[in-house]
Protein backbone atom coordinates (compact mmCIF):
# COMPACT_ATOMS: atom_id res chain seq x y z
CA MET A 1 -14.45 18.95 1.53
CA ALA A 2 -12.16 21.83 0.79
CA HIS A 3 -9.37 19.68 -0.63
CA ALA A 4 -11.61 17.80 -3.11
CA VAL A 5 -11.14 18.42 -6.83
CA GLY A 6 -14.35 19.83 -8.25
CA ASP A 7 -14.32 18.72 -11.88
CA ALA A 8 -14.29 15.21 -13.37
CA LEU A 9 -11.18 15.85 -15.43
CA GLY A 10 -9.23 16.94 -12.36
CA ARG A 11 -10.33 13.86 -10.42
CA ALA A 12 -9.28 11.57 -13.30
CA TYR A 13 -5.87 13.27 -13.46
CA ASN A 14 -5.31 12.85 -9.73
CA ARG A 15 -6.10 9.13 -9.94
CA THR A 16 -3.41 8.57 -12.55
CA GLN A 17 -0.78 10.95 -11.19
CA TYR A 18 0.94 8.31 -9.04
CA LEU A 19 -0.21 5.20 -10.91
CA ASP A 20 3.29 3.78 -11.49
CA GLN A 21 4.23 4.23 -7.82
CA ARG A 22 0.94 2.67 -6.73
CA ARG A 23 1.51 -0.37 -8.98
CA ASP A 24 5.00 -0.81 -7.56
CA MET A 25 3.76 -0.52 -3.99
CA ILE A 26 0.94 -3.02 -4.59
CA ALA A 27 3.36 -5.49 -6.23
CA LYS A 28 5.78 -5.23 -3.29
CA TRP A 29 2.93 -5.73 -0.80
CA ALA A 30 1.72 -8.80 -2.73
CA ASP A 31 5.26 -10.23 -2.77
CA TYR A 32 5.52 -9.69 0.99
CA LEU A 33 2.21 -11.45 1.62
CA ASP A 34 3.28 -14.35 -0.61
CA LYS A 35 6.48 -14.72 1.42
CA LEU A 36 4.49 -14.85 4.65
CA ARG A 37 2.09 -17.40 3.23
CA ASN A 38 4.97 -19.57 2.01
CA GLY A 39 6.70 -19.65 5.38
CA ALA A 40 8.94 -16.62 5.55
CA GLU A 41 10.80 -16.04 8.78
CA VAL A 42 8.63 -14.04 11.16
CA LEU A 43 10.56 -12.27 13.89
CA PRO A 44 9.10 -12.80 17.35
CA PHE A 45 8.54 -9.85 19.65
CA PRO A 46 9.61 -10.35 23.26
CA ASN A 47 6.81 -10.61 25.79
CA LYS A 48 6.66 -7.75 28.23
CA ALA A 49 5.78 -8.56 31.82
CA ALA A 50 2.60 -6.84 32.87
């Protein structure tokens, strides 16, 4: 693939470039899933007539 980084050092750098943002995103997603599991309000979508 043309956009792939060719050397191992470059690939390692790219993995860590957004590590803090990735951790934050994963934590927020986990919190959201915990809320759903614990009975958070789920908004219903109206049924559309076919």
